[in-house]
Every structure is written in structure tokens, then in C-alpha cells.
Amino acid sequence: MPIVDEPRASGAVGQAYLFGLGSPRGPDRLGWLAAERLSTELAARRDVTVDRLGQPSDLFLHPLTAGDRLLLLDAMRGQGPPGTVMAFSPEELPVEVGSVSSHGIGLAEALALVEALGLCRAGIRILGIEMAPAGAELGETAIERLREEVRRWLAAPAGSPVDQ
């Protein structure tokens, strides 16, 4: 079922940013593939910006404000069978995400900077997609789970537990 074109329940005026992290090729492309698939369904929504980022620090190329919300889609390894989708708050990120990243500045550091600058106070969420050992495939089960998570994130009031 596609993502519905409805405003957030909170009526907040901030923008919702959905960013797929990774690269165009290889096993780290799952975040890009997910953003690409979801962008078509979200294209009619003026309150949502969807983009693909090569590294977490690229999120600062967008005009983020304190009233905005942030949802990051990224490949992960070691959290379940391939295609597993897991939701994390910045505080719940697995320890190995810390400072080691193929993206240059790590995801944890980029999110710490977002917090230090007072940006995206309406909520930050990360959706990790488990990579397949031989490469990056995004099956329909994973896409449906991502749609479900994005629907829930967009419908929840800003700052609610789904954003924490």
C-alpha cells in the first residue's frame, strides 16, 4: 500500500526530511535504493523532502531547522537476516556505528552535531536495513516494512516516541 498524502497529526510547520545514506553501488546502496523507491510515493507531499546522501555530513547541505524532523535510511550488518528493517533513535544506534564509517564522518558524529546545533528537535529516527552477504538487494518485504515505518513516522506528532 502506498504512503498516503496526509499532513502530520501535530500540525507542525517544520519539514520532514527522509535521507537514504550510502552509495550508488555495492552493498552500502540499500539506503539509496530505499529512498529512491519511497520518493515516488512521497513526491506529492510538500512537507517531505527525500534525498540520497553519500555521507551523513551531506545532510547539512539541506536547510535544516529546529522544527524539522529527520528520518535516515541506511544499510546495516549483523542485526538479523538480510532485508530486516530495524528502527533506532540516535541513542539506540549500535555501538559499532560510533566513529567507524565508510562515509567519512560517522553517523553518530553527524547526529551529535545536529543536536549540538539545535536542529531537528521535532525528532530523529534511523531505519537500518540488513545487507545480504553477497550484495545489496531490497525485497518487497523490506520495502513494505519501510513504507509502514515511514507512514507511522509521518503520522506521529512531532517529538513523539516514534521520533525519539
C-alpha atoms as a PDB file:
ATOM      1  CA  MET A   1       0.000   0.000   0.000  1.00  0.00           C
ATOM      2  CA  PRO A   2       1.489   3.391  -0.977  1.00  0.00           C
ATOM      3  CA  ILE A   3       2.216   6.087   1.559  1.00  0.00           C
ATOM      4  CA  VAL A   4      -0.799   8.381   1.929  1.00  0.00           C
ATOM      5  CA  ASP A   5      -0.649  12.127   1.316  1.00  0.00           C
ATOM      6  CA  GLU A   6      -1.741  13.392   4.734  1.00  0.00           C
ATOM      7  CA  PRO A   7      -0.190  16.113   6.890  1.00  0.00           C
ATOM      8  CA  ARG A   8       1.375  15.196  10.220  1.00  0.00           C
ATOM      9  CA  ALA A   9      -1.004  14.792  13.121  1.00  0.00           C
ATOM     10  CA  SER A  10       0.768  17.527  15.079  1.00  0.00           C
ATOM     11  CA  GLY A  11       0.089  20.261  12.527  1.00  0.00           C
ATOM     12  CA  ALA A  12       3.710  21.367  12.990  1.00  0.00           C
ATOM     13  CA  VAL A  13       5.121  23.574  10.266  1.00  0.00           C
ATOM     14  CA  GLY A  14       8.597  22.008  10.119  1.00  0.00           C
ATOM     15  CA  GLN A  15       9.787  19.994   7.162  1.00  0.00           C
ATOM     16  CA  ALA A  16      10.221  16.215   7.276  1.00  0.00           C
ATOM     17  CA  TYR A  17      13.487  15.037   5.724  1.00  0.00           C
ATOM     18  CA  LEU A  18      13.914  11.431   4.607  1.00  0.00           C
ATOM     19  CA  PHE A  19      17.506  10.698   3.597  1.00  0.00           C
ATOM     20  CA  GLY A  20      18.886   7.463   2.177  1.00  0.00           C
ATOM     21  CA  LEU A  21      22.563   7.052   3.138  1.00  0.00           C
ATOM     22  CA  GLY A  22      25.136   5.096   1.169  1.00  0.00           C
ATOM     23  CA  SER A  23      26.400   4.951  -2.354  1.00  0.00           C
ATOM     24  CA  PRO A  24      25.048   4.136  -5.817  1.00  0.00           C
ATOM     25  CA  ARG A  25      26.803   0.732  -5.986  1.00  0.00           C
ATOM     26  CA  GLY A  26      27.753  -2.142  -3.747  1.00  0.00           C
ATOM     27  CA  PRO A  27      26.295  -3.452  -0.514  1.00  0.00           C
ATOM     28  CA  ASP A  28      26.060   0.023   1.023  1.00  0.00           C
ATOM     29  CA  ARG A  29      23.437   1.137  -1.513  1.00  0.00           C
ATOM     30  CA  LEU A  30      20.366  -0.058   0.422  1.00  0.00           C
ATOM     31  CA  GLY A  31      19.661   3.388   1.880  1.00  0.00           C
ATOM     32  CA  TRP A  32      19.770   4.894  -1.617  1.00  0.00           C
ATOM     33  CA  LEU A  33      17.538   2.171  -3.058  1.00  0.00           C
ATOM     34  CA  ALA A  34      15.009   2.654  -0.265  1.00  0.00           C
ATOM     35  CA  ALA A  35      14.939   6.449  -0.682  1.00  0.00           C
ATOM     36  CA  GLU A  36      14.558   6.054  -4.434  1.00  0.00           C
ATOM     37  CA  ARG A  37      11.603   3.654  -4.060  1.00  0.00           C
ATOM     38  CA  LEU A  38       9.876   5.776  -1.406  1.00  0.00           C
ATOM     39  CA  SER A  39      10.474   9.116  -3.165  1.00  0.00           C
ATOM     40  CA  THR A  40       7.969   8.239  -5.893  1.00  0.00           C
ATOM     41  CA  GLU A  41       5.267   7.620  -3.304  1.00  0.00           C
ATOM     42  CA  LEU A  42       6.100  10.784  -1.363  1.00  0.00           C
ATOM     43  CA  ALA A  43       6.527  13.101  -4.374  1.00  0.00           C
ATOM     44  CA  ALA A  44       3.135  14.802  -3.898  1.00  0.00           C
ATOM     45  CA  ARG A  45       3.849  15.719  -0.277  1.00  0.00           C
ATOM     46  CA  ARG A  46       5.160  19.264   0.130  1.00  0.00           C
ATOM     47  CA  ASP A  47       6.043  18.620   3.782  1.00  0.00           C
ATOM     48  CA  VAL A  48       8.547  15.857   2.947  1.00  0.00           C
ATOM     49  CA  THR A  49      11.950  16.168   1.277  1.00  0.00           C
ATOM     50  CA  VAL A  50      13.541  12.919   0.069  1.00  0.00           C
ATOM     51  CA  ASP A  51      17.189  12.737  -0.988  1.00  0.00           C
ATOM     52  CA  ARG A  52      20.102  10.320  -1.250  1.00  0.00           C
ATOM     53  CA  LEU A  53      23.265  11.240   0.644  1.00  0.00           C
ATOM     54  CA  GLY A  54      26.761   9.883   0.056  1.00  0.00           C
ATOM     55  CA  GLN A  55      27.754  10.548   3.663  1.00  0.00           C
ATOM     56  CA  PRO A  56      25.960  11.609   6.857  1.00  0.00           C
ATOM     57  CA  SER A  57      27.544  15.096   6.807  1.00  0.00           C
ATOM     58  CA  ASP A  58      25.743  15.774   3.485  1.00  0.00           C
ATOM     59  CA  LEU A  59      22.548  16.335   5.469  1.00  0.00           C
ATOM     60  CA  PHE A  60      23.969  19.780   6.285  1.00  0.00           C
ATOM     61  CA  LEU A  61      23.591  20.688   2.601  1.00  0.00           C
ATOM     62  CA  HIS A  62      19.853  20.954   3.309  1.00  0.00           C
ATOM     63  CA  PRO A  63      18.320  23.931   5.175  1.00  0.00           C
ATOM     64  CA  LEU A  64      17.575  22.052   8.412  1.00  0.00           C
ATOM     65  CA  THR A  65      15.878  23.971  11.231  1.00  0.00           C
ATOM     66  CA  ALA A  66      14.950  23.261  14.839  1.00  0.00           C
ATOM     67  CA  GLY A  67      11.338  22.482  13.857  1.00  0.00           C
ATOM     68  CA  ASP A  68      12.266  19.811  11.314  1.00  0.00           C
ATOM     69  CA  ARG A  69      12.161  16.020  11.595  1.00  0.00           C
ATOM     70  CA  LEU A  70      14.770  13.657  10.228  1.00  0.00           C
ATOM     71  CA  LEU A  71      14.474  10.027   9.080  1.00  0.00           C
ATOM     72  CA  LEU A  72      17.647   8.300   7.880  1.00  0.00           C
ATOM     73  CA  LEU A  73      17.673   5.036   5.904  1.00  0.00           C
ATOM     74  CA  ASP A  74      20.966   3.146   5.966  1.00  0.00           C
ATOM     75  CA  ALA A  75      22.387  -0.318   5.338  1.00  0.00           C
ATOM     76  CA  MET A  76      23.441  -2.251   8.421  1.00  0.00           C
ATOM     77  CA  ARG A  77      25.206  -5.522   9.080  1.00  0.00           C
ATOM     78  CA  GLY A  78      24.817  -8.067  11.859  1.00  0.00           C
ATOM     79  CA  GLN A  79      21.332  -7.197  13.159  1.00  0.00           C
ATOM     80  CA  GLY A  80      19.316 -10.008  11.538  1.00  0.00           C
ATOM     81  CA  PRO A  81      18.554 -11.814   8.287  1.00  0.00           C
ATOM     82  CA  PRO A  82      19.007  -9.881   5.013  1.00  0.00           C
ATOM     83  CA  GLY A  83      16.177  -7.402   4.456  1.00  0.00           C
ATOM     84  CA  THR A  84      15.462  -6.984   8.184  1.00  0.00           C
ATOM     85  CA  VAL A  85      14.409  -3.407   8.962  1.00  0.00           C
ATOM     86  CA  MET A  86      15.125  -2.034  12.432  1.00  0.00           C
ATOM     87  CA  ALA A  87      14.257   1.390  13.842  1.00  0.00           C
ATOM     88  CA  PHE A  88      16.636   3.280  16.125  1.00  0.00           C
ATOM     89  CA  SER A  89      16.777   6.597  17.900  1.00  0.00           C
ATOM     90  CA  PRO A  90      20.220   8.240  17.831  1.00  0.00           C
ATOM     91  CA  GLU A  91      20.803   6.972  21.380  1.00  0.00           C
ATOM     92  CA  GLU A  92      19.924   3.399  20.371  1.00  0.00           C
ATOM     93  CA  LEU A  93      22.382   3.127  17.485  1.00  0.00           C
ATOM     94  CA  PRO A  94      24.545   0.018  17.765  1.00  0.00           C
ATOM     95  CA  VAL A  95      27.954   0.804  19.317  1.00  0.00           C
ATOM     96  CA  GLU A  96      29.848  -0.159  16.141  1.00  0.00           C
ATOM     97  CA  VAL A  97      28.125   2.736  14.326  1.00  0.00           C
ATOM     98  CA  GLY A  98      30.107   5.100  16.581  1.00  0.00           C
ATOM     99  CA  SER A  99      33.052   6.677  14.791  1.00  0.00           C
ATOM    100  CA  VAL A 100      33.805   3.999  12.203  1.00  0.00           C
ATOM    101  CA  SER A 101      32.121   4.806   8.906  1.00  0.00           C
ATOM    102  CA  SER A 102      32.753   4.410   5.210  1.00  0.00           C
ATOM    103  CA  HIS A 103      31.072   7.802   4.890  1.00  0.00           C
ATOM    104  CA  GLY A 104      33.951   9.849   6.379  1.00  0.00           C
ATOM    105  CA  ILE A 105      32.293  11.475   9.394  1.00  0.00           C
ATOM    106  CA  GLY A 106      30.285   8.798  11.139  1.00  0.00           C
ATOM    107  CA  LEU A 107      26.541   8.775  11.551  1.00  0.00           C
ATOM    108  CA  ALA A 108      26.802   9.146  15.326  1.00  0.00           C
ATOM    109  CA  GLU A 109      29.031  12.231  14.967  1.00  0.00           C
ATOM    110  CA  ALA A 110      26.755  13.824  12.370  1.00  0.00           C
ATOM    111  CA  LEU A 111      23.736  13.308  14.618  1.00  0.00           C
ATOM    112  CA  ALA A 112      25.647  14.694  17.620  1.00  0.00           C
ATOM    113  CA  LEU A 113      26.373  17.810  15.550  1.00  0.00           C
ATOM    114  CA  VAL A 114      22.697  18.091  14.564  1.00  0.00           C
ATOM    115  CA  GLU A 115      21.833  18.015  18.266  1.00  0.00           C
ATOM    116  CA  ALA A 116      24.575  20.478  19.244  1.00  0.00           C
ATOM    117  CA  LEU A 117      23.326  22.930  16.612  1.00  0.00           C
ATOM    118  CA  GLY A 118      19.748  22.590  17.888  1.00  0.00           C
ATOM    119  CA  LEU A 119      18.448  21.181  14.589  1.00  0.00           C
ATOM    120  CA  CYS A 120      15.650  18.672  14.017  1.00  0.00           C
ATOM    121  CA  ARG A 121      14.312  18.971  17.556  1.00  0.00           C
ATOM    122  CA  ALA A 122      10.980  17.606  16.315  1.00  0.00           C
ATOM    123  CA  GLY A 123      12.596  14.158  16.103  1.00  0.00           C
ATOM    124  CA  ILE A 124      15.273  11.965  14.580  1.00  0.00           C
ATOM    125  CA  ARG A 125      14.845   8.320  13.596  1.00  0.00           C
ATOM    126  CA  ILE A 126      17.139   5.864  11.822  1.00  0.00           C
ATOM    127  CA  LEU A 127      15.897   2.839   9.867  1.00  0.00           C
ATOM    128  CA  GLY A 128      18.601   0.226   9.343  1.00  0.00           C
ATOM    129  CA  ILE A 129      18.228  -2.303   6.527  1.00  0.00           C
ATOM    130  CA  GLU A 130      20.211  -5.523   6.936  1.00  0.00           C
ATOM    131  CA  MET A 131      22.536  -6.203   3.991  1.00  0.00           C
ATOM    132  CA  ALA A 132      22.785  -9.546   2.220  1.00  0.00           C
ATOM    133  CA  PRO A 133      26.297 -11.038   2.442  1.00  0.00           C
ATOM    134  CA  ALA A 134      26.720 -11.119  -1.346  1.00  0.00           C
ATOM    135  CA  GLY A 135      25.339  -7.660  -2.080  1.00  0.00           C
ATOM    136  CA  ALA A 136      22.502  -5.239  -1.773  1.00  0.00           C
ATOM    137  CA  GLU A 137      19.007  -6.378  -2.592  1.00  0.00           C
ATOM    138  CA  LEU A 138      15.860  -4.671  -1.417  1.00  0.00           C
ATOM    139  CA  GLY A 139      12.999  -7.158  -1.440  1.00  0.00           C
ATOM    140  CA  GLU A 140       9.300  -6.363  -1.332  1.00  0.00           C
ATOM    141  CA  THR A 141       9.064  -7.437   2.325  1.00  0.00           C
ATOM    142  CA  ALA A 142      11.701  -4.854   3.292  1.00  0.00           C
ATOM    143  CA  ILE A 143      10.020  -2.175   1.148  1.00  0.00           C
ATOM    144  CA  GLU A 144       6.643  -2.836   2.785  1.00  0.00           C
ATOM    145  CA  ARG A 145       8.210  -2.642   6.263  1.00  0.00           C
ATOM    146  CA  LEU A 146       9.904   0.640   5.280  1.00  0.00           C
ATOM    147  CA  ARG A 147       6.580   2.009   3.997  1.00  0.00           C
ATOM    148  CA  GLU A 148       4.930   1.033   7.269  1.00  0.00           C
ATOM    149  CA  GLU A 149       7.654   2.732   9.331  1.00  0.00           C
ATOM    150  CA  VAL A 150       7.567   5.887   7.153  1.00  0.00           C
ATOM    151  CA  ARG A 151       3.743   6.040   7.377  1.00  0.00           C
ATOM    152  CA  ARG A 152       3.941   5.754  11.159  1.00  0.00           C
ATOM    153  CA  TRP A 153       6.708   8.378  11.350  1.00  0.00           C
ATOM    154  CA  LEU A 154       4.804  10.855   9.170  1.00  0.00           C
ATOM    155  CA  ALA A 155       1.526  10.358  11.048  1.00  0.00           C
ATOM    156  CA  ALA A 156       3.006  10.667  14.542  1.00  0.00           C
ATOM    157  CA  PRO A 157       3.064  14.015  16.297  1.00  0.00           C
ATOM    158  CA  ALA A 158       6.478  15.687  16.122  1.00  0.00           C
ATOM    159  CA  GLY A 159       8.633  14.742  19.098  1.00  0.00           C
ATOM    160  CA  SER A 160       6.585  11.614  19.870  1.00  0.00           C
ATOM    161  CA  PRO A 161       8.327   8.343  20.881  1.00  0.00           C
ATOM    162  CA  VAL A 162       8.360   7.197  17.232  1.00  0.00           C
ATOM    163  CA  ASP A 163      10.751  10.128  16.613  1.00  0.00           C
ATOM    164  CA  GLN A 164      12.865   9.646  19.710  1.00  0.00           C
END
